[in-house]
Amino acid sequence: MELARTELLYGEWLRRQRQKVDARVHLRAALAVFERLDASPWAERTRSELQASGQTVGCHLHKLYAKLGIASRADLRQLEQNDGHDGG
């Protein structure tokens, strides 16, 4: 439990230092322990930090892009150009 709390605190600090990718590594490790120990308040705090690090947004965008068949920024631009211009 103490190691997980340390991972959480370090992850929070890294996120505030704008080192979001590094922060996520520590936050995920902390979350795994908190969930295994059924430490709900700690797990919820860690989930909030992960969201603040951008993990949730990135995950949702990745899933959405896959559903739309978007694999690159060029695909995204093409989708934008075609929007409303399909002749219909």
PDB file of N, CA and C in Angstrom:
ATOM      1  N   MET A   1       0.828  -1.198   0.000  1.00  0.00           N
ATOM      2  CA  MET A   1       0.000   0.000   0.000  1.00  0.00           C
ATOM      3  C   MET A   1       0.874   1.264   0.000  1.00  0.00           C
ATOM      4  N   GLU A   2       1.929   1.246   0.792  1.00  0.00           N
ATOM      5  CA  GLU A   2       2.800   2.427   0.860  1.00  0.00           C
ATOM      6  C   GLU A   2       3.493   2.687  -0.476  1.00  0.00           C
ATOM      7  N   LEU A   3       3.912   1.621  -1.147  1.00  0.00           N
ATOM      8  CA  LEU A   3       4.544   1.791  -2.452  1.00  0.00           C
ATOM      9  C   LEU A   3       3.544   2.386  -3.449  1.00  0.00           C
ATOM     10  N   ALA A   4       2.310   1.915  -3.409  1.00  0.00           N
ATOM     11  CA  ALA A   4       1.288   2.442  -4.321  1.00  0.00           C
ATOM     12  C   ALA A   4       1.015   3.917  -4.036  1.00  0.00           C
ATOM     13  N   ARG A   5       0.982   4.281  -2.775  1.00  0.00           N
ATOM     14  CA  ARG A   5       0.772   5.697  -2.424  1.00  0.00           C
ATOM     15  C   ARG A   5       1.940   6.548  -2.920  1.00  0.00           C
ATOM     16  N   THR A   6       3.144   6.012  -2.831  1.00  0.00           N
ATOM     17  CA  THR A   6       4.315   6.727  -3.326  1.00  0.00           C
ATOM     18  C   THR A   6       4.242   6.878  -4.844  1.00  0.00           C
ATOM     19  N   GLU A   7       3.828   5.808  -5.540  1.00  0.00           N
ATOM     20  CA  GLU A   7       3.663   5.870  -6.997  1.00  0.00           C
ATOM     21  C   GLU A   7       2.638   6.943  -7.370  1.00  0.00           C
ATOM     22  N   LEU A   8       1.545   7.000  -6.626  1.00  0.00           N
ATOM     23  CA  LEU A   8       0.511   8.001  -6.879  1.00  0.00           C
ATOM     24  C   LEU A   8       1.064   9.411  -6.698  1.00  0.00           C
ATOM     25  N   LEU A   9       1.726   9.651  -5.586  1.00  0.00           N
ATOM     26  CA  LEU A   9       2.267  10.986  -5.323  1.00  0.00           C
ATOM     27  C   LEU A   9       3.294  11.398  -6.371  1.00  0.00           C
ATOM     28  N   TYR A  10       4.150  10.459  -6.749  1.00  0.00           N
ATOM     29  CA  TYR A  10       5.153  10.766  -7.764  1.00  0.00           C
ATOM     30  C   TYR A  10       4.479  11.009  -9.114  1.00  0.00           C
ATOM     31  N   GLY A  11       3.485  10.204  -9.435  1.00  0.00           N
ATOM     32  CA  GLY A  11       2.733  10.406 -10.671  1.00  0.00           C
ATOM     33  C   GLY A  11       2.045  11.756 -10.706  1.00  0.00           C
ATOM     34  N   GLU A  12       1.463  12.153  -9.581  1.00  0.00           N
ATOM     35  CA  GLU A  12       0.832  13.485  -9.501  1.00  0.00           C
ATOM     36  C   GLU A  12       1.869  14.577  -9.742  1.00  0.00           C
ATOM     37  N   TRP A  13       3.027  14.430  -9.112  1.00  0.00           N
ATOM     38  CA  TRP A  13       4.076  15.433  -9.265  1.00  0.00           C
ATOM     39  C   TRP A  13       4.552  15.508 -10.716  1.00  0.00           C
ATOM     40  N   LEU A  14       4.775  14.349 -11.327  1.00  0.00           N
ATOM     41  CA  LEU A  14       5.213  14.329 -12.726  1.00  0.00           C
ATOM     42  C   LEU A  14       4.187  15.003 -13.633  1.00  0.00           C
ATOM     43  N   ARG A  15       2.912  14.721 -13.391  1.00  0.00           N
ATOM     44  CA  ARG A  15       1.871  15.336 -14.225  1.00  0.00           C
ATOM     45  C   ARG A  15       1.908  16.845 -14.090  1.00  0.00           C
ATOM     46  N   ARG A  16       2.096  17.322 -12.896  1.00  0.00           N
ATOM     47  CA  ARG A  16       2.140  18.773 -12.678  1.00  0.00           C
ATOM     48  C   ARG A  16       3.410  19.402 -13.279  1.00  0.00           C
ATOM     49  N   GLN A  17       4.423  18.571 -13.488  1.00  0.00           N
ATOM     50  CA  GLN A  17       5.647  19.029 -14.154  1.00  0.00           C
ATOM     51  C   GLN A  17       5.538  18.867 -15.668  1.00  0.00           C
ATOM     52  N   ARG A  18       4.332  18.546 -16.137  1.00  0.00           N
ATOM     53  CA  ARG A  18       4.021  18.351 -17.560  1.00  0.00           C
ATOM     54  C   ARG A  18       4.766  17.175 -18.180  1.00  0.00           C
ATOM     55  N   GLN A  19       5.021  16.175 -17.375  1.00  0.00           N
ATOM     56  CA  GLN A  19       5.633  14.930 -17.846  1.00  0.00           C
ATOM     57  C   GLN A  19       4.559  13.840 -17.814  1.00  0.00           C
ATOM     58  N   LYS A  20       3.530  14.061 -18.613  1.00  0.00           N
ATOM     59  CA  LYS A  20       2.331  13.232 -18.540  1.00  0.00           C
ATOM     60  C   LYS A  20       2.562  11.772 -18.878  1.00  0.00           C
ATOM     61  N   VAL A  21       3.372  11.494 -19.879  1.00  0.00           N
ATOM     62  CA  VAL A  21       3.616  10.104 -20.261  1.00  0.00           C
ATOM     63  C   VAL A  21       4.298   9.353 -19.122  1.00  0.00           C
ATOM     64  N   ASP A  22       5.314   9.960 -18.531  1.00  0.00           N
ATOM     65  CA  ASP A  22       6.006   9.337 -17.396  1.00  0.00           C
ATOM     66  C   ASP A  22       5.065   9.191 -16.208  1.00  0.00           C
ATOM     67  N   ALA A  23       4.222  10.175 -15.994  1.00  0.00           N
ATOM     68  CA  ALA A  23       3.279  10.124 -14.879  1.00  0.00           C
ATOM     69  C   ALA A  23       2.340   8.937 -15.000  1.00  0.00           C
ATOM     70  N   ARG A  24       1.880   8.659 -16.208  1.00  0.00           N
ATOM     71  CA  ARG A  24       0.922   7.567 -16.415  1.00  0.00           C
ATOM     72  C   ARG A  24       1.488   6.219 -15.991  1.00  0.00           C
ATOM     73  N   VAL A  25       2.771   6.014 -16.204  1.00  0.00           N
ATOM     74  CA  VAL A  25       3.397   4.742 -15.817  1.00  0.00           C
ATOM     75  C   VAL A  25       3.220   4.518 -14.319  1.00  0.00           C
ATOM     76  N   HIS A  26       3.507   5.527 -13.527  1.00  0.00           N
ATOM     77  CA  HIS A  26       3.415   5.420 -12.074  1.00  0.00           C
ATOM     78  C   HIS A  26       1.964   5.373 -11.605  1.00  0.00           C
ATOM     79  N   LEU A  27       1.125   6.143 -12.268  1.00  0.00           N
ATOM     80  CA  LEU A  27      -0.276   6.158 -11.884  1.00  0.00           C
ATOM     81  C   LEU A  27      -0.950   4.813 -12.178  1.00  0.00           C
ATOM     82  N   ARG A  28      -0.620   4.198 -13.306  1.00  0.00           N
ATOM     83  CA  ARG A  28      -1.184   2.875 -13.621  1.00  0.00           C
ATOM     84  C   ARG A  28      -0.730   1.837 -12.605  1.00  0.00           C
ATOM     85  N   ALA A  29       0.538   1.904 -12.219  1.00  0.00           N
ATOM     86  CA  ALA A  29       1.057   0.961 -11.223  1.00  0.00           C
ATOM     87  C   ALA A  29       0.327   1.131  -9.898  1.00  0.00           C
ATOM     88  N   ALA A  30       0.119   2.371  -9.503  1.00  0.00           N
ATOM     89  CA  ALA A  30      -0.600   2.635  -8.258  1.00  0.00           C
ATOM     90  C   ALA A  30      -2.036   2.134  -8.349  1.00  0.00           C
ATOM     91  N   LEU A  31      -2.686   2.389  -9.463  1.00  0.00           N
ATOM     92  CA  LEU A  31      -4.081   1.972  -9.625  1.00  0.00           C
ATOM     93  C   LEU A  31      -4.220   0.461  -9.532  1.00  0.00           C
ATOM     94  N   ALA A  32      -3.297  -0.267 -10.131  1.00  0.00           N
ATOM     95  CA  ALA A  32      -3.368  -1.735 -10.080  1.00  0.00           C
ATOM     96  C   ALA A  32      -3.340  -2.236  -8.635  1.00  0.00           C
ATOM     97  N   VAL A  33      -2.483  -1.656  -7.818  1.00  0.00           N
ATOM     98  CA  VAL A  33      -2.389  -2.069  -6.419  1.00  0.00           C
ATOM     99  C   VAL A  33      -3.647  -1.662  -5.658  1.00  0.00           C
ATOM    100  N   PHE A  34      -4.081  -0.429  -5.843  1.00  0.00           N
ATOM    101  CA  PHE A  34      -5.278   0.028  -5.124  1.00  0.00           C
ATOM    102  C   PHE A  34      -6.496  -0.818  -5.470  1.00  0.00           C
ATOM    103  N   GLU A  35      -6.630  -1.186  -6.734  1.00  0.00           N
ATOM    104  CA  GLU A  35      -7.758  -2.031  -7.128  1.00  0.00           C
ATOM    105  C   GLU A  35      -7.635  -3.421  -6.534  1.00  0.00           C
ATOM    106  N   ARG A  36      -6.422  -3.971  -6.531  1.00  0.00           N
ATOM    107  CA  ARG A  36      -6.201  -5.298  -5.964  1.00  0.00           C
ATOM    108  C   ARG A  36      -6.506  -5.308  -4.465  1.00  0.00           C
ATOM    109  N   LEU A  37      -6.189  -4.204  -3.789  1.00  0.00           N
ATOM    110  CA  LEU A  37      -6.436  -4.110  -2.347  1.00  0.00           C
ATOM    111  C   LEU A  37      -7.839  -3.612  -2.018  1.00  0.00           C
ATOM    112  N   ASP A  38      -8.625  -3.323  -3.054  1.00  0.00           N
ATOM    113  CA  ASP A  38      -9.975  -2.795  -2.900  1.00  0.00           C
ATOM    114  C   ASP A  38      -9.975  -1.500  -2.083  1.00  0.00           C
ATOM    115  N   ALA A  39      -8.983  -0.655  -2.364  1.00  0.00           N
ATOM    116  CA  ALA A  39      -8.853   0.654  -1.708  1.00  0.00           C
ATOM    117  C   ALA A  39      -9.540   1.693  -2.594  1.00  0.00           C
ATOM    118  N   SER A  40     -10.859   1.693  -2.560  1.00  0.00           N
ATOM    119  CA  SER A  40     -11.664   2.494  -3.483  1.00  0.00           C
ATOM    120  C   SER A  40     -11.344   3.985  -3.497  1.00  0.00           C
ATOM    121  N   PRO A  41     -11.234   4.640  -2.345  1.00  0.00           N
ATOM    122  CA  PRO A  41     -10.935   6.092  -2.393  1.00  0.00           C
ATOM    123  C   PRO A  41      -9.596   6.381  -3.064  1.00  0.00           C
ATOM    124  N   TRP A  42      -8.594   5.550  -2.792  1.00  0.00           N
ATOM    125  CA  TRP A  42      -7.293   5.742  -3.414  1.00  0.00           C
ATOM    126  C   TRP A  42      -7.362   5.450  -4.911  1.00  0.00           C
ATOM    127  N   ALA A  43      -8.088   4.421  -5.274  1.00  0.00           N
ATOM    128  CA  ALA A  43      -8.228   4.077  -6.697  1.00  0.00           C
ATOM    129  C   ALA A  43      -8.935   5.199  -7.447  1.00  0.00           C
ATOM    130  N   GLU A  44      -9.958   5.765  -6.855  1.00  0.00           N
ATOM    131  CA  GLU A  44     -10.695   6.858  -7.511  1.00  0.00           C
ATOM    132  C   GLU A  44      -9.806   8.083  -7.693  1.00  0.00           C
ATOM    133  N   ARG A  45      -9.026   8.404  -6.683  1.00  0.00           N
ATOM    134  CA  ARG A  45      -8.091   9.539  -6.794  1.00  0.00           C
ATOM    135  C   ARG A  45      -7.100   9.285  -7.927  1.00  0.00           C
ATOM    136  N   THR A  46      -6.613   8.046  -8.021  1.00  0.00           N
ATOM    137  CA  THR A  46      -5.654   7.702  -9.061  1.00  0.00           C
ATOM    138  C   THR A  46      -6.293   7.772 -10.439  1.00  0.00           C
ATOM    139  N   ARG A  47      -7.529   7.300 -10.556  1.00  0.00           N
ATOM    140  CA  ARG A  47      -8.236   7.397 -11.843  1.00  0.00           C
ATOM    141  C   ARG A  47      -8.395   8.853 -12.272  1.00  0.00           C
ATOM    142  N   SER A  48      -8.687   9.713 -11.316  1.00  0.00           N
ATOM    143  CA  SER A  48      -8.822  11.143 -11.622  1.00  0.00           C
ATOM    144  C   SER A  48      -7.506  11.717 -12.144  1.00  0.00           C
ATOM    145  N   GLU A  49      -6.415  11.305 -11.536  1.00  0.00           N
ATOM    146  CA  GLU A  49      -5.099  11.763 -11.997  1.00  0.00           C
ATOM    147  C   GLU A  49      -4.807  11.248 -13.406  1.00  0.00           C
ATOM    148  N   LEU A  50      -5.167   9.996 -13.665  1.00  0.00           N
ATOM    149  CA  LEU A  50      -4.964   9.445 -15.008  1.00  0.00           C
ATOM    150  C   LEU A  50      -5.779  10.222 -16.036  1.00  0.00           C
ATOM    151  N   GLN A  51      -7.005  10.571 -15.678  1.00  0.00           N
ATOM    152  CA  GLN A  51      -7.820  11.377 -16.591  1.00  0.00           C
ATOM    153  C   GLN A  51      -7.175  12.735 -16.819  1.00  0.00           C
ATOM    154  N   ALA A  52      -6.673  13.337 -15.758  1.00  0.00           N
ATOM    155  CA  ALA A  52      -6.030  14.644 -15.880  1.00  0.00           C
ATOM    156  C   ALA A  52      -4.759  14.570 -16.725  1.00  0.00           C
ATOM    157  N   SER A  53      -4.157  13.388 -16.761  1.00  0.00           N
ATOM    158  CA  SER A  53      -2.949  13.224 -17.572  1.00  0.00           C
ATOM    159  C   SER A  53      -3.280  13.033 -19.047  1.00  0.00           C
ATOM    160  N   GLY A  54      -4.564  12.944 -19.353  1.00  0.00           N
ATOM    161  CA  GLY A  54      -4.992  12.814 -20.739  1.00  0.00           C
ATOM    162  C   GLY A  54      -5.217  11.390 -21.195  1.00  0.00           C
ATOM    163  N   GLN A  55      -5.046  10.409 -20.296  1.00  0.00           N
ATOM    164  CA  GLN A  55      -5.197   9.017 -20.698  1.00  0.00           C
ATOM    165  C   GLN A  55      -6.591   8.733 -21.217  1.00  0.00           C
ATOM    166  N   THR A  56      -7.625   9.159 -20.537  1.00  0.00           N
ATOM    167  CA  THR A  56      -8.999   8.827 -20.945  1.00  0.00           C
ATOM    168  C   THR A  56      -9.318   9.405 -22.298  1.00  0.00           C
ATOM    169  N   VAL A  57      -8.941  10.678 -22.545  1.00  0.00           N
ATOM    170  CA  VAL A  57      -9.210  11.320 -23.828  1.00  0.00           C
ATOM    171  C   VAL A  57      -8.497  10.579 -24.949  1.00  0.00           C
ATOM    172  N   GLY A  58      -7.219  10.279 -24.745  1.00  0.00           N
ATOM    173  CA  GLY A  58      -6.452   9.570 -25.754  1.00  0.00           C
ATOM    174  C   GLY A  58      -7.041   8.215 -26.092  1.00  0.00           C
ATOM    175  N   CYS A  59      -7.488   7.524 -25.092  1.00  0.00           N
ATOM    176  CA  CYS A  59      -8.083   6.200 -25.298  1.00  0.00           C
ATOM    177  C   CYS A  59      -9.356   6.310 -26.120  1.00  0.00           C
ATOM    178  N   HIS A  60     -10.207   7.259 -25.790  1.00  0.00           N
ATOM    179  CA  HIS A  60     -11.458   7.441 -26.519  1.00  0.00           C
ATOM    180  C   HIS A  60     -11.202   7.860 -27.968  1.00  0.00           C
ATOM    181  N   LEU A  61     -10.251   8.755 -28.174  1.00  0.00           N
ATOM    182  CA  LEU A  61      -9.936   9.174 -29.538  1.00  0.00           C
ATOM    183  C   LEU A  61      -9.389   8.005 -30.353  1.00  0.00           C
ATOM    184  N   HIS A  62      -8.552   7.207 -29.737  1.00  0.00           N
ATOM    185  CA  HIS A  62      -7.992   6.049 -30.434  1.00  0.00           C
ATOM    186  C   HIS A  62      -9.111   5.114 -30.897  1.00  0.00           C
ATOM    187  N   LYS A  63     -10.068   4.845 -30.025  1.00  0.00           N
ATOM    188  CA  LYS A  63     -11.188   3.969 -30.382  1.00  0.00           C
ATOM    189  C   LYS A  63     -12.059   4.598 -31.462  1.00  0.00           C
ATOM    190  N   LEU A  64     -12.308   5.882 -31.348  1.00  0.00           N
ATOM    191  CA  LEU A  64     -13.133   6.577 -32.328  1.00  0.00           C
ATOM    192  C   LEU A  64     -12.460   6.595 -33.693  1.00  0.00           C
ATOM    193  N   TYR A  65     -11.175   6.911 -33.717  1.00  0.00           N
ATOM    194  CA  TYR A  65     -10.449   6.941 -34.985  1.00  0.00           C
ATOM    195  C   TYR A  65     -10.454   5.569 -35.647  1.00  0.00           C
ATOM    196  N   ALA A  66     -10.294   4.532 -34.855  1.00  0.00           N
ATOM    197  CA  ALA A  66     -10.315   3.178 -35.418  1.00  0.00           C
ATOM    198  C   ALA A  66     -11.665   2.880 -36.057  1.00  0.00           C
ATOM    199  N   LYS A  67     -12.750   3.270 -35.401  1.00  0.00           N
ATOM    200  CA  LYS A  67     -14.085   3.037 -35.948  1.00  0.00           C
ATOM    201  C   LYS A  67     -14.308   3.816 -37.239  1.00  0.00           C
ATOM    202  N   LEU A  68     -13.713   4.988 -37.339  1.00  0.00           N
ATOM    203  CA  LEU A  68     -13.868   5.822 -38.529  1.00  0.00           C
ATOM    204  C   LEU A  68     -12.846   5.489 -39.610  1.00  0.00           C
ATOM    205  N   GLY A  69     -11.924   4.597 -39.308  1.00  0.00           N
ATOM    206  CA  GLY A  69     -10.899   4.236 -40.279  1.00  0.00           C
ATOM    207  C   GLY A  69      -9.829   5.296 -40.444  1.00  0.00           C
ATOM    208  N   ILE A  70      -9.603   6.080 -39.413  1.00  0.00           N
ATOM    209  CA  ILE A  70      -8.601   7.148 -39.462  1.00  0.00           C
ATOM    210  C   ILE A  70      -7.302   6.623 -38.859  1.00  0.00           C
ATOM    211  N   ALA A  71      -6.260   6.595 -39.677  1.00  0.00           N
ATOM    212  CA  ALA A  71      -4.970   6.091 -39.212  1.00  0.00           C
ATOM    213  C   ALA A  71      -3.900   7.174 -39.171  1.00  0.00           C
ATOM    214  N   SER A  72      -4.199   8.343 -39.742  1.00  0.00           N
ATOM    215  CA  SER A  72      -3.193   9.404 -39.778  1.00  0.00           C
ATOM    216  C   SER A  72      -3.883  10.766 -39.808  1.00  0.00           C
ATOM    217  N   ARG A  73      -3.087  11.799 -39.660  1.00  0.00           N
ATOM    218  CA  ARG A  73      -3.641  13.152 -39.749  1.00  0.00           C
ATOM    219  C   ARG A  73      -4.156  13.439 -41.152  1.00  0.00           C
ATOM    220  N   ALA A  74      -3.510  12.839 -42.134  1.00  0.00           N
ATOM    221  CA  ALA A  74      -3.963  13.015 -43.516  1.00  0.00           C
ATOM    222  C   ALA A  74      -5.382  12.443 -43.681  1.00  0.00           C
ATOM    223  N   ASP A  75      -5.639  11.295 -43.061  1.00  0.00           N
ATOM    224  CA  ASP A  75      -6.982  10.705 -43.105  1.00  0.00           C
ATOM    225  C   ASP A  75      -7.992  11.644 -42.443  1.00  0.00           C
ATOM    226  N   LEU A  76      -7.587  12.255 -41.344  1.00  0.00           N
ATOM    227  CA  LEU A  76      -8.459  13.180 -40.635  1.00  0.00           C
ATOM    228  C   LEU A  76      -8.769  14.404 -41.497  1.00  0.00           C
ATOM    229  N   ARG A  77      -7.762  14.939 -42.175  1.00  0.00           N
ATOM    230  CA  ARG A  77      -7.974  16.077 -43.075  1.00  0.00           C
ATOM    231  C   ARG A  77      -8.911  15.707 -44.215  1.00  0.00           C
ATOM    232  N   GLN A  78      -8.732  14.507 -44.756  1.00  0.00           N
ATOM    233  CA  GLN A  78      -9.578  14.043 -45.855  1.00  0.00           C
ATOM    234  C   GLN A  78     -11.031  13.938 -45.395  1.00  0.00           C
ATOM    235  N   LEU A  79     -11.236  13.425 -44.197  1.00  0.00           N
ATOM    236  CA  LEU A  79     -12.583  13.320 -43.644  1.00  0.00           C
ATOM    237  C   LEU A  79     -13.208  14.707 -43.498  1.00  0.00           C
ATOM    238  N   GLU A  80     -12.411  15.660 -43.022  1.00  0.00           N
ATOM    239  CA  GLU A  80     -12.897  17.035 -42.854  1.00  0.00           C
ATOM    240  C   GLU A  80     -13.262  17.664 -44.203  1.00  0.00           C
ATOM    241  N   GLN A  81     -12.444  17.426 -45.213  1.00  0.00           N
ATOM    242  CA  GLN A  81     -12.706  17.988 -46.545  1.00  0.00           C
ATOM    243  C   GLN A  81     -13.961  17.397 -47.170  1.00  0.00           C
ATOM    244  N   ASN A  82     -14.217  16.135 -46.890  1.00  0.00           N
ATOM    245  CA  ASN A  82     -15.385  15.468 -47.458  1.00  0.00           C
ATOM    246  C   ASN A  82     -16.668  15.758 -46.683  1.00  0.00           C
ATOM    247  N   ASP A  83     -16.562  16.277 -45.500  1.00  0.00           N
ATOM    248  CA  ASP A  83     -17.714  16.534 -44.663  1.00  0.00           C
ATOM    249  C   ASP A  83     -18.653  17.562 -45.320  1.00  0.00           C
ATOM    250  N   GLY A  84     -19.848  17.122 -45.630  1.00  0.00           N
ATOM    251  CA  GLY A  84     -20.832  18.024 -46.218  1.00  0.00           C
ATOM    252  C   GLY A  84     -20.660  18.246 -47.700  1.00  0.00           C
ATOM    253  N   HIS A  85     -19.709  17.600 -48.306  1.00  0.00           N
ATOM    254  CA  HIS A  85     -19.459  17.781 -49.738  1.00  0.00           C
ATOM    255  C   HIS A  85     -19.574  16.465 -50.504  1.00  0.00           C
ATOM    256  N   ASP A  86     -20.557  15.654 -50.104  1.00  0.00           N
ATOM    257  CA  ASP A  86     -20.683  14.356 -50.750  1.00  0.00           C
ATOM    258  C   ASP A  86     -21.676  14.375 -51.905  1.00  0.00           C
ATOM    259  N   GLY A  87     -22.153  15.531 -52.279  1.00  0.00           N
ATOM    260  CA  GLY A  87     -23.045  15.670 -53.418  1.00  0.00           C
ATOM    261  C   GLY A  87     -24.473  15.323 -53.108  1.00  0.00           C
ATOM    262  N   GLY A  88     -24.794  15.027 -51.855  1.00  0.00           N
ATOM    263  CA  GLY A  88     -26.143  14.578 -51.486  1.00  0.00           C
ATOM    264  C   GLY A  88     -27.036  15.606 -51.030  1.00  0.00           C
TER     265      GLY A  88
END
